[in-house]
Amino acid sequence: MPNKPTSSRDYAKEYKDFHGKSEEIKRRSMRNKARRKKGLKKGDPREVDHKRPLSKGGGNSRKNLTIKSRSANRKKGARDA
């Protein structure tokens, strides 16, 4: 029989602590701005890909953005296109 953890995790607190950080709010805002620029609506399964990743100094200019499937975008990761 598997061992039961002695204390339970507070997932709501972990979620709030991570998503409430100022740097995470800024990243989410930049991702949402890129989606609006390319005309992607809520629920659209595609994602905006940054040819030069934000983490490597890329921006949200139209020439740096492309639309890709979720799997293709996640496969690429933070590499330059």
Protein backbone atom coordinates (compact mmCIF):
# COMPACT_ATOMS: atom_id res chain seq x y z
CA MET A 1 0.00 0.00 0.00
CA PRO A 2 1.49 3.42 -0.97
CA ASN A 3 2.53 5.78 1.75
CA LYS A 4 0.23 8.72 2.31
CA PRO A 5 1.94 12.13 2.55
CA THR A 6 2.00 13.51 6.07
CA SER A 7 0.86 16.96 4.94
CA SER A 8 -1.22 18.03 1.98
CA ARG A 9 -0.09 20.63 -0.54
CA ASP A 10 -1.89 23.94 -0.83
CA TYR A 11 -2.14 24.13 -4.63
CA ALA A 12 -4.24 27.30 -4.54
CA LYS A 13 -1.52 29.10 -2.56
CA GLU A 14 1.26 27.79 -4.84
CA TYR A 15 -0.67 28.98 -7.92
CA LYS A 16 -1.31 32.40 -6.40
CA ASP A 17 2.30 32.81 -5.26
CA PHE A 18 3.69 31.97 -8.72
CA HIS A 19 1.19 33.82 -10.91
CA GLY A 20 1.13 36.84 -8.62
CA LYS A 21 4.84 37.62 -9.01
CA SER A 22 5.51 40.86 -10.86
CA GLU A 23 7.85 39.23 -13.42
CA GLU A 24 5.26 36.54 -14.23
CA ILE A 25 2.54 39.19 -14.64
CA LYS A 26 4.82 41.07 -17.06
CA ARG A 27 5.53 37.88 -19.09
CA ARG A 28 1.81 37.03 -19.28
CA SER A 29 1.03 40.58 -20.40
CA MET A 30 3.62 40.36 -23.21
CA ARG A 31 2.23 37.00 -24.39
CA ASN A 32 -1.32 38.39 -24.42
CA LYS A 33 -0.19 41.50 -26.31
CA ALA A 34 1.42 39.32 -29.00
CA ARG A 35 -1.79 37.24 -29.33
CA ARG A 36 -3.88 40.40 -29.81
CA LYS A 37 -1.44 41.73 -32.42
CA LYS A 38 -1.78 38.56 -34.51
CA GLY A 39 -5.57 38.44 -34.05
CA LEU A 40 -5.78 35.20 -32.06
CA LYS A 41 -8.92 34.93 -29.96
CA LYS A 42 -9.51 33.13 -26.68
CA GLY A 43 -9.88 29.40 -27.27
CA ASP A 44 -7.87 29.39 -30.50
CA PRO A 45 -5.62 26.31 -30.32
CA ARG A 46 -2.76 28.04 -32.17
CA GLU A 47 -0.04 30.04 -30.46
CA VAL A 48 2.07 33.06 -31.32
CA ASP A 49 5.70 32.14 -31.84
CA HIS A 50 8.43 34.72 -31.43
CA LYS A 51 11.09 34.18 -34.11
CA ARG A 52 13.60 35.67 -31.68
CA PRO A 53 12.38 34.65 -28.20
CA LEU A 54 11.47 37.28 -25.62
CA SER A 55 13.97 35.63 -23.27
CA LYS A 56 16.76 36.39 -25.78
CA GLY A 57 15.86 40.01 -26.38
CA GLY A 58 13.16 39.60 -29.04
CA GLY A 59 10.17 41.89 -29.02
CA ASN A 60 6.52 41.91 -30.02
CA SER A 61 6.98 43.60 -33.40
CA ARG A 62 4.89 42.07 -36.19
CA LYS A 63 7.99 40.88 -38.08
CA ASN A 64 9.12 38.88 -35.02
CA LEU A 65 5.77 37.08 -34.63
CA THR A 66 4.38 34.01 -36.41
CA ILE A 67 1.41 31.77 -35.72
CA LYS A 68 2.18 28.10 -35.08
CA SER A 69 0.43 25.06 -33.69
CA ARG A 70 0.91 24.51 -30.00
CA SER A 71 3.01 21.37 -30.54
CA ALA A 72 5.30 23.09 -33.07
CA ASN A 73 5.80 26.10 -30.80
CA ARG A 74 6.55 23.98 -27.72
CA LYS A 75 8.93 21.77 -29.71
CA LYS A 76 10.95 24.82 -30.78
CA GLY A 77 11.33 26.11 -27.23
CA ALA A 78 13.43 29.25 -26.70
CA ARG A 79 15.57 28.85 -29.81
CA ASP A 80 15.85 31.39 -32.60
CA ALA A 81 13.89 30.42 -35.73
